[in-house]
Amino acid sequence: MSEFARPFDVRQLDHRAVKLVADAAERQALAKRFDIVRIDRIEAEVVLERDGEALNAKGTLEADIVQACAVSAEDLPVAIREPLAFRFVPAGAGHAPDEEVELDEDELDEIEFSGTTVDLGEAVAQSVALAIDPFLTGPEADAARALLKDEDVSPFAALKGLKLGKD
């Protein structure tokens, strides 16, 4: 079960605009899942349109997160503003699992679903995860790097002071 589940029955959709907003518990669970400090806001506005058995979803994602600097571990606020474009397709209707597929920039990401329900919230959550920079650095990163250079932090630094006795 997704931390931000927003199921939609594709049989009941033709053309519909929806707004998804994560509550505090959902944001906390997603922050834990993504291993970041916290998520202050996740909102998505999406237009859903049926296309035969498939469902197209286009819109925008806005999220405000706080993540740790990869070097200094200081908290850094990050604003995510991204377009969303998904195409939910029935399982087995897409490409073979090992088939390589190239998408143009304007093409939709395809997400397979089984049954009659798609989880738009999980698709939005995954978009947030993809927008997180795992190597984000802040203004204190250079100072932290300089501090680490001054110290010998190699795995063998602890062995440096040991003297091996000879028998």
C-alpha atoms as a PDB file:
ATOM      1  CA  MET A   1       0.000   0.000   0.000  1.00  0.00           C
ATOM      2  CA  SER A   2       1.360   3.383  -0.997  1.00  0.00           C
ATOM      3  CA  GLU A   3       1.924   6.104   1.602  1.00  0.00           C
ATOM      4  CA  PHE A   4       0.080   8.510  -0.724  1.00  0.00           C
ATOM      5  CA  ALA A   5      -2.578   6.263  -2.250  1.00  0.00           C
ATOM      6  CA  ARG A   6      -5.066   8.008  -4.527  1.00  0.00           C
ATOM      7  CA  PRO A   7      -6.889   5.265  -6.428  1.00  0.00           C
ATOM      8  CA  PHE A   8      -9.060   6.076  -9.424  1.00  0.00           C
ATOM      9  CA  ASP A   9     -11.351   3.665 -11.250  1.00  0.00           C
ATOM     10  CA  VAL A  10     -10.573   4.047 -14.934  1.00  0.00           C
ATOM     11  CA  ARG A  11     -14.107   2.920 -15.878  1.00  0.00           C
ATOM     12  CA  GLN A  12     -15.571   6.006 -14.213  1.00  0.00           C
ATOM     13  CA  LEU A  13     -13.266   8.536 -15.808  1.00  0.00           C
ATOM     14  CA  ASP A  14     -13.500  10.296 -19.104  1.00  0.00           C
ATOM     15  CA  HIS A  15     -12.206  13.826 -18.600  1.00  0.00           C
ATOM     16  CA  ARG A  16     -11.616  14.999 -15.060  1.00  0.00           C
ATOM     17  CA  ALA A  17      -9.392  17.497 -13.301  1.00  0.00           C
ATOM     18  CA  VAL A  18      -8.160  16.465  -9.855  1.00  0.00           C
ATOM     19  CA  LYS A  19      -6.021  18.025  -7.158  1.00  0.00           C
ATOM     20  CA  LEU A  20      -4.001  15.786  -4.879  1.00  0.00           C
ATOM     21  CA  VAL A  21      -2.657  17.071  -1.568  1.00  0.00           C
ATOM     22  CA  ALA A  22      -0.626  14.938   0.846  1.00  0.00           C
ATOM     23  CA  ASP A  23      -1.563  15.257   4.517  1.00  0.00           C
ATOM     24  CA  ALA A  24       0.966  15.437   7.366  1.00  0.00           C
ATOM     25  CA  ALA A  25       1.047  11.672   8.007  1.00  0.00           C
ATOM     26  CA  GLU A  26       1.510  10.917   4.299  1.00  0.00           C
ATOM     27  CA  ARG A  27       4.306  13.475   4.003  1.00  0.00           C
ATOM     28  CA  GLN A  28       6.045  12.054   7.067  1.00  0.00           C
ATOM     29  CA  ALA A  29       5.828   8.492   5.713  1.00  0.00           C
ATOM     30  CA  LEU A  30       7.128   9.575   2.300  1.00  0.00           C
ATOM     31  CA  ALA A  31      10.036  11.484   3.879  1.00  0.00           C
ATOM     32  CA  LYS A  32      11.002   8.289   5.696  1.00  0.00           C
ATOM     33  CA  ARG A  33      10.673   6.252   2.485  1.00  0.00           C
ATOM     34  CA  PHE A  34      12.811   8.728   0.529  1.00  0.00           C
ATOM     35  CA  ASP A  35      15.305   9.094   3.413  1.00  0.00           C
ATOM     36  CA  ILE A  36      15.074  12.873   3.581  1.00  0.00           C
ATOM     37  CA  VAL A  37      14.627  15.210   6.570  1.00  0.00           C
ATOM     38  CA  ARG A  38      11.000  16.127   5.880  1.00  0.00           C
ATOM     39  CA  ILE A  39       8.384  17.021   3.305  1.00  0.00           C
ATOM     40  CA  ASP A  40       6.476  20.224   3.999  1.00  0.00           C
ATOM     41  CA  ARG A  41       4.132  20.051   1.017  1.00  0.00           C
ATOM     42  CA  ILE A  42       3.163  17.864  -1.927  1.00  0.00           C
ATOM     43  CA  GLU A  43       0.444  19.015  -4.295  1.00  0.00           C
ATOM     44  CA  ALA A  44      -0.405  17.938  -7.801  1.00  0.00           C
ATOM     45  CA  GLU A  45      -3.005  19.213 -10.234  1.00  0.00           C
ATOM     46  CA  VAL A  46      -3.750  16.647 -12.915  1.00  0.00           C
ATOM     47  CA  VAL A  47      -6.186  16.270 -15.788  1.00  0.00           C
ATOM     48  CA  LEU A  48      -7.212  12.651 -16.412  1.00  0.00           C
ATOM     49  CA  GLU A  49      -8.422  11.614 -19.876  1.00  0.00           C
ATOM     50  CA  ARG A  50      -9.430   8.195 -21.127  1.00  0.00           C
ATOM     51  CA  ASP A  51      -7.788   6.933 -24.290  1.00  0.00           C
ATOM     52  CA  GLY A  52      -9.408   3.584 -25.025  1.00  0.00           C
ATOM     53  CA  GLU A  53      -8.375   1.277 -22.182  1.00  0.00           C
ATOM     54  CA  ALA A  54      -5.525   3.614 -21.213  1.00  0.00           C
ATOM     55  CA  LEU A  55      -5.681   6.695 -19.023  1.00  0.00           C
ATOM     56  CA  ASN A  56      -3.566   9.785 -19.701  1.00  0.00           C
ATOM     57  CA  ALA A  57      -2.660  12.090 -16.821  1.00  0.00           C
ATOM     58  CA  LYS A  58      -1.031  15.486 -17.371  1.00  0.00           C
ATOM     59  CA  GLY A  59      -0.469  18.280 -14.912  1.00  0.00           C
ATOM     60  CA  THR A  60       1.970  19.840 -12.476  1.00  0.00           C
ATOM     61  CA  LEU A  61       3.693  18.788  -9.288  1.00  0.00           C
ATOM     62  CA  GLU A  62       4.740  21.155  -6.517  1.00  0.00           C
ATOM     63  CA  ALA A  63       6.595  19.960  -3.452  1.00  0.00           C
ATOM     64  CA  ASP A  64       8.605  21.620  -0.712  1.00  0.00           C
ATOM     65  CA  ILE A  65      11.104  19.306   0.926  1.00  0.00           C
ATOM     66  CA  VAL A  66      14.050  19.531   3.287  1.00  0.00           C
ATOM     67  CA  GLN A  67      16.993  17.254   2.709  1.00  0.00           C
ATOM     68  CA  ALA A  68      20.457  16.945   4.179  1.00  0.00           C
ATOM     69  CA  CYS A  69      23.507  18.258   2.368  1.00  0.00           C
ATOM     70  CA  ALA A  70      25.475  15.273   1.039  1.00  0.00           C
ATOM     71  CA  VAL A  71      28.703  16.654   2.549  1.00  0.00           C
ATOM     72  CA  SER A  72      27.925  18.753   5.643  1.00  0.00           C
ATOM     73  CA  ALA A  73      24.538  17.171   6.578  1.00  0.00           C
ATOM     74  CA  GLU A  74      23.009  20.640   7.039  1.00  0.00           C
ATOM     75  CA  ASP A  75      19.285  20.910   6.327  1.00  0.00           C
ATOM     76  CA  LEU A  76      18.563  22.379   2.899  1.00  0.00           C
ATOM     77  CA  PRO A  77      15.107  23.490   1.738  1.00  0.00           C
ATOM     78  CA  VAL A  78      14.279  22.467  -1.835  1.00  0.00           C
ATOM     79  CA  ALA A  79      11.335  23.543  -3.985  1.00  0.00           C
ATOM     80  CA  ILE A  80      10.242  21.042  -6.633  1.00  0.00           C
ATOM     81  CA  ARG A  81       8.163  22.327  -9.543  1.00  0.00           C
ATOM     82  CA  GLU A  82       7.745  19.794 -12.342  1.00  0.00           C
ATOM     83  CA  PRO A  83       5.345  18.953 -15.129  1.00  0.00           C
ATOM     84  CA  LEU A  84       3.666  15.545 -14.838  1.00  0.00           C
ATOM     85  CA  ALA A  85       2.779  13.281 -17.745  1.00  0.00           C
ATOM     86  CA  PHE A  86       1.729   9.658 -17.196  1.00  0.00           C
ATOM     87  CA  ARG A  87      -0.038   7.089 -19.315  1.00  0.00           C
ATOM     88  CA  PHE A  88      -1.616   4.261 -17.359  1.00  0.00           C
ATOM     89  CA  VAL A  89      -1.942   1.176 -19.577  1.00  0.00           C
ATOM     90  CA  PRO A  90      -3.466  -2.233 -18.833  1.00  0.00           C
ATOM     91  CA  ALA A  91      -0.832  -4.812 -17.854  1.00  0.00           C
ATOM     92  CA  GLY A  92       0.402  -6.740 -20.852  1.00  0.00           C
ATOM     93  CA  ALA A  93      -0.780  -4.108 -23.322  1.00  0.00           C
ATOM     94  CA  GLY A  94       2.556  -2.343 -23.425  1.00  0.00           C
ATOM     95  CA  HIS A  95       5.967  -3.576 -24.474  1.00  0.00           C
ATOM     96  CA  ALA A  96       7.671  -6.863 -23.707  1.00  0.00           C
ATOM     97  CA  PRO A  97       9.598  -6.707 -20.386  1.00  0.00           C
ATOM     98  CA  ASP A  98      13.020  -6.951 -22.050  1.00  0.00           C
ATOM     99  CA  GLU A  99      12.169  -4.719 -24.992  1.00  0.00           C
ATOM    100  CA  GLU A 100      14.104  -1.461 -25.075  1.00  0.00           C
ATOM    101  CA  VAL A 101      11.863   1.549 -25.633  1.00  0.00           C
ATOM    102  CA  GLU A 102      12.951   5.107 -26.360  1.00  0.00           C
ATOM    103  CA  LEU A 103      10.597   7.938 -25.458  1.00  0.00           C
ATOM    104  CA  ASP A 104      10.776  11.454 -26.769  1.00  0.00           C
ATOM    105  CA  GLU A 105      10.761  14.223 -24.192  1.00  0.00           C
ATOM    106  CA  ASP A 106       7.115  15.029 -24.862  1.00  0.00           C
ATOM    107  CA  GLU A 107       5.941  11.410 -24.573  1.00  0.00           C
ATOM    108  CA  LEU A 108       4.213  10.167 -21.452  1.00  0.00           C
ATOM    109  CA  ASP A 109       5.770   7.750 -18.957  1.00  0.00           C
ATOM    110  CA  GLU A 110       3.839   4.485 -19.162  1.00  0.00           C
ATOM    111  CA  ILE A 111       2.695   2.812 -15.962  1.00  0.00           C
ATOM    112  CA  GLU A 112       1.036  -0.577 -16.127  1.00  0.00           C
ATOM    113  CA  PHE A 113      -2.002  -1.357 -13.993  1.00  0.00           C
ATOM    114  CA  SER A 114      -4.094  -4.435 -13.462  1.00  0.00           C
ATOM    115  CA  GLY A 115      -7.798  -4.534 -12.781  1.00  0.00           C
ATOM    116  CA  THR A 116      -9.691  -1.291 -13.109  1.00  0.00           C
ATOM    117  CA  THR A 117      -7.858   0.974 -10.669  1.00  0.00           C
ATOM    118  CA  VAL A 118      -4.804   3.208 -11.062  1.00  0.00           C
ATOM    119  CA  ASP A 119      -2.952   4.838  -8.165  1.00  0.00           C
ATOM    120  CA  LEU A 120      -2.297   8.422  -9.179  1.00  0.00           C
ATOM    121  CA  GLY A 121      -0.903   9.270  -5.733  1.00  0.00           C
ATOM    122  CA  GLU A 122       1.839   6.656  -6.036  1.00  0.00           C
ATOM    123  CA  ALA A 123       2.746   7.967  -9.502  1.00  0.00           C
ATOM    124  CA  VAL A 124       3.044  11.478  -8.020  1.00  0.00           C
ATOM    125  CA  ALA A 125       5.105  10.150  -5.080  1.00  0.00           C
ATOM    126  CA  GLN A 126       7.506   8.453  -7.487  1.00  0.00           C
ATOM    127  CA  SER A 127       7.844  11.727  -9.394  1.00  0.00           C
ATOM    128  CA  VAL A 128       8.858  13.439  -6.142  1.00  0.00           C
ATOM    129  CA  ALA A 129      11.428  10.708  -5.508  1.00  0.00           C
ATOM    130  CA  LEU A 130      12.913  11.160  -8.976  1.00  0.00           C
ATOM    131  CA  ALA A 131      13.195  14.930  -8.438  1.00  0.00           C
ATOM    132  CA  ILE A 132      15.298  14.555  -5.268  1.00  0.00           C
ATOM    133  CA  ASP A 133      18.995  15.264  -5.871  1.00  0.00           C
ATOM    134  CA  PRO A 134      20.916  12.571  -3.948  1.00  0.00           C
ATOM    135  CA  PHE A 135      24.137  14.609  -4.143  1.00  0.00           C
ATOM    136  CA  LEU A 136      22.722  17.982  -3.129  1.00  0.00           C
ATOM    137  CA  THR A 137      25.273  20.265  -1.484  1.00  0.00           C
ATOM    138  CA  GLY A 138      24.761  23.472   0.416  1.00  0.00           C
ATOM    139  CA  PRO A 139      26.827  26.545   1.287  1.00  0.00           C
ATOM    140  CA  GLU A 140      28.693  24.756   4.119  1.00  0.00           C
ATOM    141  CA  ALA A 141      29.861  21.873   1.893  1.00  0.00           C
ATOM    142  CA  ASP A 142      33.240  23.433   1.045  1.00  0.00           C
ATOM    143  CA  ALA A 143      34.016  24.089   4.710  1.00  0.00           C
ATOM    144  CA  ALA A 144      33.104  20.489   5.571  1.00  0.00           C
ATOM    145  CA  ARG A 145      35.316  19.196   2.757  1.00  0.00           C
ATOM    146  CA  ALA A 146      38.234  21.309   4.018  1.00  0.00           C
ATOM    147  CA  LEU A 147      37.752  19.951   7.526  1.00  0.00           C
ATOM    148  CA  LEU A 148      37.752  16.389   6.223  1.00  0.00           C
ATOM    149  CA  LYS A 149      40.950  17.055   4.232  1.00  0.00           C
ATOM    150  CA  ASP A 150      42.715  18.185   7.395  1.00  0.00           C
ATOM    151  CA  GLU A 151      41.868  14.912   9.127  1.00  0.00           C
ATOM    152  CA  ASP A 152      43.016  11.532   7.962  1.00  0.00           C
ATOM    153  CA  VAL A 153      39.678   9.790   7.476  1.00  0.00           C
ATOM    154  CA  SER A 154      40.822   6.758   5.562  1.00  0.00           C
ATOM    155  CA  PRO A 155      39.781   3.319   6.815  1.00  0.00           C
ATOM    156  CA  PHE A 156      43.420   2.708   7.721  1.00  0.00           C
ATOM    157  CA  ALA A 157      43.844   5.883   9.808  1.00  0.00           C
ATOM    158  CA  ALA A 158      43.127   3.981  13.026  1.00  0.00           C
ATOM    159  CA  LEU A 159      45.926   1.532  12.215  1.00  0.00           C
ATOM    160  CA  LYS A 160      48.464   4.298  11.647  1.00  0.00           C
ATOM    161  CA  GLY A 161      49.413   4.595  15.307  1.00  0.00           C
ATOM    162  CA  LEU A 162      49.748   0.857  15.907  1.00  0.00           C
ATOM    163  CA  LYS A 163      53.174  -0.682  15.860  1.00  0.00           C
ATOM    164  CA  LEU A 164      53.442  -4.299  14.915  1.00  0.00           C
ATOM    165  CA  GLY A 165      55.713  -6.324  17.161  1.00  0.00           C
ATOM    166  CA  LYS A 166      58.047  -8.839  15.612  1.00  0.00           C
ATOM    167  CA  ASP A 167      58.448 -12.277  17.094  1.00  0.00           C
END
